[in-house]
Protein backbone atom coordinates (compact mmCIF):
# COMPACT_ATOMS: atom_id res chain seq x y z
CA MET A 1 227.89 -65.21 166.03
CA ALA A 2 228.23 -62.02 167.96
CA CYS A 3 230.60 -59.42 166.65
CA PRO A 4 232.02 -56.31 168.36
CA LEU A 5 230.09 -53.08 168.29
CA LEU A 6 231.25 -50.32 165.99
CA ARG A 7 234.67 -49.39 167.34
CA GLN A 8 234.80 -45.66 166.86
CA CYS A 9 232.28 -42.96 166.11
CA SER A 10 232.58 -39.26 165.72
CA LYS A 11 230.25 -37.09 167.75
CA TRP A 12 226.65 -37.20 166.71
CA ASN A 13 225.20 -34.05 165.26
CA ALA A 14 222.99 -32.32 167.82
CA ASN A 15 220.07 -32.23 165.41
CA CYS A 16 220.35 -35.89 164.49
CA SER A 17 218.48 -37.37 167.46
CA SER A 18 217.00 -40.24 165.51
CA LEU A 19 219.17 -41.24 162.58
CA PHE A 20 217.33 -44.33 161.56
CA GLU A 21 213.70 -43.29 161.20
CA THR A 22 213.70 -44.90 157.74
CA LEU A 23 215.86 -47.32 155.81
CA TRP A 24 215.26 -48.09 152.17
CA TYR A 25 217.41 -49.17 149.30
CA SER A 26 217.21 -50.33 145.75
CA ASN A 27 220.20 -52.28 144.48
CA GLY A 28 222.75 -49.71 145.57
CA ARG A 29 221.05 -46.57 144.30
CA SER A 30 220.16 -43.65 146.55
CA VAL A 31 216.51 -42.99 147.23
CA SER A 32 215.30 -39.75 148.80
CA PHE A 33 211.83 -39.46 150.24
CA SER A 34 209.74 -37.68 152.82
CA THR A 35 209.05 -39.33 156.14
CA SER A 36 206.15 -38.48 158.38
CA SER A 37 206.48 -38.17 162.10
CA LEU A 38 207.04 -41.35 164.07
CA GLY A 39 205.95 -39.80 167.32
CA ARG A 40 208.12 -36.71 167.64
CA THR A 41 210.86 -36.64 165.01
CA SER A 42 210.17 -35.80 161.37
CA TRP A 43 212.39 -35.57 158.34
CA SER A 44 211.02 -34.46 155.00
CA SER A 45 212.44 -34.39 151.52
CA GLY A 46 212.62 -31.47 149.19
CA PRO A 47 214.89 -28.55 148.49
CA GLY A 48 217.08 -27.76 151.46
CA ASN A 49 215.90 -30.65 153.62
CA GLU A 50 216.75 -34.04 152.20
CA VAL A 51 217.45 -37.46 153.62
CA SER A 52 219.28 -39.88 151.37
CA LEU A 53 220.21 -43.46 152.25
CA ARG A 54 222.34 -45.81 150.17
CA LEU A 55 223.16 -49.46 150.79
CA LEU A 56 226.62 -50.56 149.77
CA SER A 57 227.54 -54.18 149.45
CA ALA A 58 230.76 -55.85 150.64
CA PRO A 59 231.87 -56.80 154.13
CA GLY A 60 234.65 -54.96 155.88
CA ARG A 61 235.95 -53.46 159.08
CA GLU A 62 233.49 -52.34 161.73
CA CYS A 63 234.19 -48.67 162.17
CA CYS A 64 232.52 -45.41 161.36
CA ARG A 65 234.08 -42.08 160.67
CA ASN A 66 232.64 -38.72 159.84
CA THR A 67 234.40 -38.72 156.48
CA GLY A 68 231.52 -37.95 154.16
CA ARG A 69 232.22 -41.04 152.06
CA SER A 70 231.78 -44.76 152.55
CA PRO A 71 234.95 -46.80 153.14
CA PRO A 72 235.54 -49.34 150.36
CA ASN A 73 234.94 -53.05 150.63
CA ARG A 74 232.42 -53.13 153.44
CA ALA A 75 228.68 -53.15 153.95
CA ALA A 76 227.58 -49.71 154.99
CA ILE A 77 224.78 -47.25 154.99
CA ALA A 78 225.81 -43.82 153.87
CA LEU A 79 223.45 -41.36 155.45
CA ARG A 80 223.46 -37.83 154.19
CA ARG A 81 221.38 -35.14 155.75
CA ARG A 82 221.52 -31.80 154.00
CA THR A 83 219.89 -28.70 155.47
CA GLY A 84 220.32 -25.57 153.38
CA PRO A 85 223.96 -24.81 152.68
CA ASN A 86 225.18 -26.93 155.61
CA THR A 87 225.81 -30.58 154.97
CA PHE A 88 226.10 -33.23 157.67
CA ASN A 89 227.58 -36.58 156.64
CA PHE A 90 227.43 -39.63 158.85
CA THR A 91 228.62 -43.09 157.87
CA THR A 92 228.12 -46.23 159.90
CA SER A 93 228.76 -49.86 159.12
CA LEU A 94 226.28 -52.68 159.09
CA THR A 95 227.27 -56.29 159.64
CA ARG A 96 225.43 -59.46 158.89
CA HIS A 97 226.01 -60.74 162.38
CA LYS A 98 224.15 -60.23 165.61
CA LEU A 99 225.26 -57.00 167.30
CA ARG A 100 226.56 -57.19 170.85
CA LEU A 101 225.37 -53.98 172.44
CA LEU A 102 227.21 -54.31 175.74
CA ASP A 103 230.60 -53.87 174.13
CA PRO A 104 232.95 -51.75 176.29
CA SER A 105 233.31 -49.29 173.41
CA LEU A 106 229.64 -48.39 173.65
CA LYS A 107 230.21 -45.14 175.53
CA SER A 108 232.82 -43.85 173.09
CA CYS A 109 230.71 -44.90 170.13
CA PHE A 110 227.83 -42.70 171.16
CA CYS A 111 229.95 -39.99 172.77
CA ILE A 112 227.91 -39.92 175.98
CA ASN A 113 229.45 -37.95 178.83
CA SER A 114 228.00 -40.03 181.64
CA ALA A 115 229.82 -43.28 182.37
CA HIS A 116 228.23 -46.65 182.91
CA THR A 117 228.33 -48.14 186.37
CA ASP A 118 231.25 -50.49 186.97
CA VAL A 119 229.16 -53.23 188.55
CA LYS A 120 228.08 -56.19 186.48
CA VAL A 121 224.75 -55.46 184.82
CA GLN A 122 221.98 -57.62 186.22
CA ASP A 123 219.27 -59.26 184.19
CA PRO A 124 216.44 -56.71 183.73
CA PHE A 125 213.83 -59.25 184.81
CA THR A 126 215.76 -59.88 188.03
CA ILE A 127 215.90 -56.20 188.93
CA ALA A 128 212.20 -55.66 188.16
CA GLN A 129 211.00 -58.96 189.64
CA GLU A 130 209.97 -57.60 193.04
CA ASP A 131 207.88 -54.84 191.49
CA LEU A 132 206.24 -57.22 189.03
CA THR A 133 205.54 -60.09 191.45
CA ASN A 134 202.02 -58.98 192.38
CA LEU A 135 201.31 -56.95 189.25
CA TYR A 136 198.87 -59.41 187.69
CA ASP A 137 197.17 -60.06 191.04
CA ASP A 138 196.58 -56.33 191.42
CA ILE A 139 195.24 -56.07 187.85
CA ARG A 140 192.83 -58.92 188.48
CA LYS A 141 191.61 -57.14 191.62
CA GLU A 142 190.84 -54.08 189.51
CA LEU A 143 188.87 -56.27 187.08
CA PHE A 144 186.45 -57.47 189.75
CA VAL A 145 183.17 -58.13 187.93
CA THR A 146 180.51 -60.78 187.37
CA LYS A 147 181.62 -64.37 186.91
CA GLU A 148 181.62 -64.71 183.10
CA LEU A 149 183.12 -61.29 182.33
CA LYS A 150 185.65 -61.92 185.06
CA ALA A 151 186.75 -65.15 183.37
CA LEU A 152 187.24 -63.35 180.05
CA CYS A 153 189.12 -60.42 181.56
CA HIS A 154 191.37 -62.62 183.66
CA TYR A 155 192.19 -65.00 180.80
CA TYR A 156 195.37 -63.23 179.63
CA PHE A 157 196.29 -61.87 183.07
CA ASP A 158 197.42 -65.30 184.24
CA GLY A 159 200.98 -64.20 185.04
CA LYS A 160 202.43 -66.28 182.21
CA GLY A 161 203.06 -63.42 179.81
CA LYS A 162 206.51 -61.91 179.21
CA ALA A 163 205.49 -58.64 180.93
CA ILE A 164 208.01 -56.79 178.76
CA ARG A 165 206.11 -53.50 178.82
CA PRO A 166 205.54 -53.20 182.58
CA MET A 167 209.13 -54.30 183.13
CA ILE A 168 210.39 -51.43 180.94
CA VAL A 169 208.10 -49.03 182.79
CA VAL A 170 209.33 -50.18 186.21
CA LEU A 171 212.99 -49.97 185.22
CA MET A 172 212.49 -46.58 183.60
CA ALA A 173 210.69 -45.25 186.68
CA ARG A 174 213.47 -46.35 189.02
CA ALA A 175 216.18 -45.02 186.68
CA LEU A 176 214.39 -41.66 186.50
CA ASN A 177 213.93 -41.53 190.24
CA SER A 178 217.66 -42.10 190.72
CA HIS A 179 218.44 -39.51 188.06
CA SER A 180 216.28 -36.93 189.89
CA ASN A 181 218.17 -37.45 193.18
CA ARG A 182 215.21 -39.23 194.74
CA SER A 183 214.94 -42.67 196.22
CA GLY A 184 215.02 -45.39 193.60
CA GLU A 185 211.76 -46.78 194.99
CA LEU A 186 208.66 -46.64 192.83
CA LEU A 187 206.05 -44.01 193.48
CA PRO A 188 202.48 -45.39 193.78
CA GLY A 189 201.50 -43.58 190.60
CA GLN A 190 204.43 -45.08 188.70
CA ARG A 191 203.39 -48.59 189.64
CA ALA A 192 199.86 -47.76 188.53
CA VAL A 193 201.30 -46.72 185.15
CA ALA A 194 202.90 -50.17 184.80
CA MET A 195 199.49 -51.76 185.44
CA ILE A 196 197.76 -49.44 182.98
CA THR A 197 200.37 -50.22 180.32
CA GLU A 198 199.75 -53.96 180.59
CA MET A 199 195.97 -53.48 180.60
CA ILE A 200 196.00 -51.33 177.45
CA HIS A 201 198.35 -53.78 175.75
CA THR A 202 196.17 -56.77 176.64
CA ALA A 203 192.98 -55.02 175.55
CA SER A 204 194.62 -54.27 172.19
CA LEU A 205 195.53 -57.96 171.81
CA VAL A 206 191.93 -58.99 172.44
CA HIS A 207 190.70 -56.57 169.77
CA ASP A 208 193.49 -57.53 167.35
CA ASP A 209 192.55 -61.19 167.61
CA VAL A 210 188.96 -60.36 166.69
CA ILE A 211 190.04 -58.25 163.70
CA ASP A 212 192.52 -60.88 162.50
CA GLY A 213 190.30 -63.87 163.27
CA SER A 214 193.15 -65.42 165.26
CA ASN A 215 192.61 -68.64 167.17
CA ARG A 216 195.92 -68.81 169.08
CA ARG A 217 197.57 -66.34 171.45
CA ARG A 218 200.36 -67.03 173.95
CA GLY A 219 200.18 -70.73 173.23
CA LYS A 220 196.45 -71.12 173.94
CA GLY A 221 193.10 -70.41 172.36
CA THR A 222 192.11 -66.78 171.91
CA ILE A 223 189.21 -65.19 173.76
CA ASN A 224 187.24 -64.79 170.53
CA GLU A 225 187.79 -68.47 169.74
CA LEU A 226 186.55 -69.62 173.16
CA TRP A 227 183.82 -67.07 173.95
CA GLY A 228 182.97 -65.58 170.57
CA GLU A 229 183.74 -62.25 168.91
CA LYS A 230 181.01 -60.18 170.58
CA LYS A 231 182.06 -61.09 174.11
CA ALA A 232 185.73 -60.66 173.21
CA ILE A 233 185.11 -57.10 171.98
CA LEU A 234 183.19 -56.27 175.15
CA ALA A 235 185.95 -57.77 177.32
CA GLY A 236 188.57 -55.63 175.55
CA ASP A 237 186.43 -52.54 176.00
CA PHE A 238 185.95 -53.29 179.69
CA ILE A 239 189.69 -53.72 180.27
CA LEU A 240 190.27 -50.33 178.62
CA SER A 241 187.61 -48.73 180.82
CA VAL A 242 189.22 -50.11 183.99
CA ALA A 243 192.59 -48.83 182.76
CA SER A 244 191.02 -45.39 182.36
CA ILE A 245 189.65 -45.46 185.90
CA THR A 246 193.06 -46.46 187.25
CA MET A 247 194.57 -43.64 185.21
CA ALA A 248 192.18 -41.07 186.67
CA ARG A 249 193.03 -42.15 190.22
CA ILE A 250 196.68 -41.11 189.66
CA GLY A 251 195.40 -37.54 189.62
CA ASN A 252 197.78 -36.18 186.99
CA ASN A 253 196.27 -34.57 183.89
CA THR A 254 199.45 -35.00 181.86
CA VAL A 255 199.38 -38.76 182.45
CA VAL A 256 195.76 -38.85 181.23
CA LYS A 257 196.70 -36.90 178.08
CA VAL A 258 199.68 -39.17 177.42
CA PHE A 259 197.63 -42.35 177.59
CA SER A 260 194.82 -40.79 175.55
CA GLN A 261 197.39 -40.36 172.80
CA VAL A 262 198.28 -44.03 173.09
CA ILE A 263 194.69 -45.14 172.54
CA GLU A 264 194.32 -42.79 169.57
CA ASP A 265 197.55 -44.16 168.07
CA LEU A 266 196.36 -47.75 168.52
CA VAL A 267 193.17 -47.05 166.57
CA ARG A 268 194.95 -45.08 163.83
CA GLY A 269 197.61 -47.79 163.57
CA GLU A 270 194.97 -50.46 163.10
CA PHE A 271 193.38 -48.46 160.30
CA MET A 272 196.80 -48.02 158.69
CA GLN A 273 197.31 -51.77 158.81
CA LEU A 274 194.07 -52.28 156.90
CA GLY A 275 195.42 -50.21 154.01
CA SER A 276 198.40 -50.42 151.67
CA LYS A 277 200.43 -48.03 149.53
CA GLU A 278 200.99 -48.24 145.79
CA ASN A 279 204.25 -46.31 145.87
CA GLU A 280 207.12 -48.40 147.27
CA ASN A 281 208.82 -45.53 149.12
CA GLU A 282 205.55 -44.50 150.75
CA ARG A 283 204.89 -48.13 151.60
CA PHE A 284 207.94 -48.44 153.81
CA LYS A 285 207.25 -45.11 155.49
CA HIS A 286 203.67 -46.30 156.05
CA TYR A 287 204.97 -49.53 157.61
CA LEU A 288 207.27 -47.74 160.06
CA GLU A 289 204.61 -45.25 161.10
CA LYS A 290 202.11 -48.06 161.61
CA THR A 291 204.72 -49.90 163.68
CA PHE A 292 205.14 -46.86 165.89
CA LYS A 293 201.42 -46.35 166.43
CA LYS A 294 200.54 -50.00 167.05
CA THR A 295 203.53 -50.99 169.19
CA ALA A 296 206.00 -48.27 170.10
CA SER A 297 203.59 -45.50 171.11
CA LEU A 298 202.44 -47.42 174.18
CA ILE A 299 206.01 -48.04 175.37
CA ALA A 300 207.18 -44.50 174.57
CA ASN A 301 204.26 -42.78 176.27
CA SER A 302 204.32 -45.12 179.27
CA CYS A 303 207.96 -44.21 179.82
CA LYS A 304 207.01 -40.54 179.55
CA ALA A 305 204.12 -41.03 181.98
CA VAL A 306 206.36 -42.32 184.78
CA CYS A 307 208.75 -39.50 184.00
CA VAL A 308 206.24 -36.65 184.44
CA LEU A 309 205.40 -38.03 187.89
CA VAL A 310 208.95 -37.42 189.14
CA THR A 311 210.28 -34.43 187.18
CA SER A 312 208.99 -31.47 185.20
CA ASP A 313 212.13 -31.26 183.02
CA PRO A 314 211.02 -31.61 179.36
CA LYS A 315 214.51 -32.77 178.35
CA VAL A 316 214.24 -35.74 180.67
CA HIS A 317 210.69 -36.41 179.42
CA GLU A 318 212.10 -36.60 175.91
CA ILE A 319 214.86 -39.02 176.93
CA ALA A 320 212.31 -41.38 178.44
CA TYR A 321 210.00 -41.02 175.44
CA GLN A 322 212.72 -41.56 172.85
CA TYR A 323 214.08 -44.64 174.62
CA GLY A 324 210.62 -46.20 174.67
CA LYS A 325 209.93 -45.26 171.06
CA ASN A 326 213.16 -46.72 169.70
CA VAL A 327 213.00 -49.91 171.78
CA GLY A 328 209.35 -50.33 170.79
CA ILE A 329 210.04 -50.07 167.07
CA ALA A 330 213.02 -52.43 167.37
CA PHE A 331 210.88 -54.91 169.31
CA GLN A 332 208.27 -55.00 166.55
CA LEU A 333 210.88 -55.27 163.80
CA VAL A 334 212.33 -58.32 165.53
CA ASP A 335 208.81 -59.69 165.96
CA ASP A 336 208.31 -59.33 162.21
CA VAL A 337 211.56 -61.23 161.63
CA LEU A 338 210.48 -64.01 164.00
CA ASP A 339 207.29 -64.44 162.00
CA PHE A 340 209.57 -65.84 159.30
CA THR A 341 212.31 -67.49 161.32
CA SER A 342 210.71 -68.90 164.47
CA LYS A 343 208.57 -72.00 164.71
CA ALA A 344 204.97 -71.61 165.79
CA ASN A 345 205.54 -73.40 169.11
CA HIS A 346 208.12 -70.74 170.05
CA LEU A 347 205.95 -67.80 169.10
CA GLY A 348 202.73 -69.12 170.61
CA LYS A 349 201.02 -68.27 167.32
CA PRO A 350 201.22 -69.64 163.75
CA SER A 351 204.33 -68.62 161.80
CA ALA A 352 203.84 -66.65 158.56
CA ALA A 353 200.77 -65.23 160.27
CA ASP A 354 201.42 -61.76 158.82
CA LEU A 355 201.55 -63.02 155.24
CA LYS A 356 198.35 -64.97 155.77
CA LEU A 357 196.72 -61.77 157.03
CA GLY A 358 197.89 -59.96 153.90
CA LEU A 359 200.49 -57.86 155.72
CA ALA A 360 203.79 -56.86 154.16
CA THR A 361 206.28 -56.37 157.00
CA GLY A 362 209.95 -55.37 156.92
CA PRO A 363 211.39 -58.63 155.53
CA VAL A 364 208.89 -58.58 152.65
CA LEU A 365 209.37 -54.90 151.87
CA PHE A 366 213.15 -55.30 151.74
CA ALA A 367 212.80 -58.47 149.66
CA CYS A 368 210.62 -56.58 147.19
CA GLN A 369 213.69 -54.57 146.14
CA GLN A 370 215.36 -57.75 144.89
CA PHE A 371 212.20 -59.47 143.71
CA PRO A 372 209.84 -56.91 142.11
CA GLU A 373 207.35 -59.73 141.58
CA LEU A 374 206.37 -59.20 145.22
CA HIS A 375 204.89 -55.80 144.39
CA SER A 376 201.72 -57.19 142.82
CA MET A 377 201.36 -59.73 145.65
CA ILE A 378 201.60 -56.96 148.22
CA MET A 379 198.96 -54.91 146.43
CA ARG A 380 196.52 -57.83 146.43
CA ARG A 381 197.52 -58.65 150.03
CA PHE A 382 198.76 -62.16 149.14
CA SER A 383 195.18 -63.21 148.39
CA SER A 384 195.80 -65.34 145.28
CA LYS A 385 196.52 -69.03 145.52
CA GLY A 386 200.19 -69.69 146.17
CA ASP A 387 201.01 -66.06 147.08
CA VAL A 388 201.92 -66.80 150.69
CA ASP A 389 204.28 -69.66 149.81
CA GLN A 390 205.88 -67.75 146.94
CA ALA A 391 206.39 -64.63 149.07
CA TRP A 392 207.94 -66.78 151.77
CA GLN A 393 210.44 -68.15 149.27
CA TYR A 394 211.31 -64.70 147.97
CA VAL A 395 212.01 -63.44 151.49
CA PHE A 396 214.42 -66.27 152.20
CA GLN A 397 216.14 -65.93 148.83
CA SER A 398 216.72 -62.24 149.58
CA ASP A 399 218.45 -60.49 152.46
CA GLY A 400 215.15 -59.07 153.73
CA VAL A 401 215.44 -60.77 157.10
CA GLU A 402 219.00 -59.53 157.65
CA GLN A 403 218.15 -55.99 156.59
CA THR A 404 215.23 -55.91 159.02
CA LYS A 405 217.54 -57.12 161.79
CA ASN A 406 220.01 -54.38 160.89
CA LEU A 407 217.28 -51.76 161.09
CA ALA A 408 216.20 -53.05 164.51
CA GLN A 409 219.84 -52.92 165.60
CA HIS A 410 220.08 -49.23 164.77
CA TYR A 411 216.90 -48.37 166.64
CA CYS A 412 218.41 -50.09 169.66
CA GLN A 413 221.58 -48.05 169.26
CA GLU A 414 219.53 -44.88 169.37
CA ALA A 415 217.68 -46.15 172.46
CA ILE A 416 221.04 -46.67 174.17
CA ARG A 417 222.19 -43.21 173.18
CA GLN A 418 219.10 -41.71 174.76
CA ILE A 419 219.03 -43.66 178.04
CA SER A 420 222.78 -43.16 178.55
CA MET A 421 222.07 -39.49 179.16
CA LEU A 422 220.60 -40.38 182.56
CA ARG A 423 222.80 -40.64 185.63
CA PRO A 424 224.31 -44.12 186.18
CA SER A 425 222.15 -46.62 188.06
CA ALA A 426 221.53 -50.35 188.02
CA GLU A 427 218.13 -49.76 186.39
CA ARG A 428 219.57 -47.51 183.67
CA ASP A 429 222.17 -50.15 182.79
CA ALA A 430 219.45 -52.82 182.85
CA LEU A 431 217.55 -50.81 180.23
CA ILE A 432 220.71 -50.80 178.12
CA ARG A 433 221.03 -54.55 178.63
CA LEU A 434 217.40 -54.92 177.57
CA THR A 435 218.19 -53.65 174.08
CA GLU A 436 220.46 -56.65 173.53
CA MET A 437 217.72 -58.96 174.74
CA VAL A 438 215.30 -57.37 172.27
CA LEU A 439 217.69 -58.08 169.39
CA THR A 440 218.58 -61.63 170.39
CA ARG A 441 215.21 -62.98 171.52
CA ASP A 442 213.81 -65.99 169.70
CA LYS A 443 210.20 -65.75 170.83
C-alpha cells in the first residue's frame, strides 16, 4: 500500500515553518479562517495576512512545484499564504495511500542541507532500549509510599506500556548531545526528564479516566474502576507531585518553567474538550488546539527540556520543540483514526470511545463537510438515541478517515524537516524513522 514520497519540492519559504497547522475544506471551495497558536506558530486571517486551503479531487502524479496553481487531475491541497503585497504559493499533493517517509528523496523534498547517515536506520526502540530498561523501576522507586497508595501509583508503571514519550525524549537527548559536539551519552538530568515525562503522562491518564468514566486502559481495568474515583484522583495528584520533586532536583529553572507550561496546557486542554463550537471553522481550529494542549505539548516541551540542558542556542531549542509538537499532533490524529478503524482488543480500550464520550475528532469533523446532518449531532454531543451509530456510518461513508490520515502525514513531514536540521546521528535518523511508525501503527 505504500507509495513513494513526494518526488520533488521547491525550497520552503523561510517563514513557513509549520505549513499544516490547519486543514479544512468544503466540497472544493476555499475557506479562509483565523487559527490560534498551537504552541508557538500562529496564522491569522484578515487583510494582509490570510491562509486559504482548498481540496481538489482527482488522483495524479506525486510531485509538488512552486507554480502557484494546482496541477490538473490529481488530489492536492493548494495552500496560499498572502502577506501584504507579497504572495507565497505552495502546492503539495496528497495521496490516499500510506506515505513512506524513509524514501531516498526525503532530503531533496525538504531541501535540508545536512545529509542523512549512510548506515541502515535502526529501530527507535532498539536504540533507546538500554536507557529505558530500568526506567519504570526507577519511577517506582520514586513513588515509594504506603502500601495501598503504592499499589495505585505502581499500577500503570508495570513496564508494559509503549513508553513512546520517554523513548522520544531519550532519542532527542542523544541526538542533541551529538549535535552539540558532546558525547552521545545521556546526562543525568536528561534521563530524569524522560521519567518526568512518563509520570506526567500517566497522571493525566488517571485523571482522564475519572473524567470520562472509563473502565478499561491498556487492556486492563482502570484505577477508578478498581479503587474508586476519589482514590484515583489522589493517586494522579501524588504522581504529579513526585514528578515535580524530581523536576526540582534537576536544578534548572528553565526545565521547571517548561514543565509548568505542560501542566497548564493539560488542564486547559481538558476544559476545551468539555466544550464545543457552533461555527464549523472554529470547531476544527478548536480541535487542533485541544489536540496540542492535551497530547503534543508534553512531547514538545519534554524535547525542549532535554535540549536546554545541553545547549543555550534558542534555534536548537526550537528545532527540538517543533519536532515534538508535530509528532505529538500526528500521534493524536492517528489515535483518533484508530478509534474508528481498530478493534478494541488492539487499542486496549473500547472502539468508538470518543463518539460515546460526545467528542467530535478529525474523522467526524471532515465527514461533517460531506454530511451536514452531523452538525446537529456534534452540537448535542451524540447524546440522542442512535447518534453514535449514525455518526459512525457517516464517517465511513465519507473520506474523513483518509483526510485525517493525510493531515497526520503532513505533520510528520514537518517533524522530519525540523529534526533534519540537526547533525547526522543514529538517534536523529531514528527520530525520522519514528515518524513512519507513528503513521503506520495499528494500536
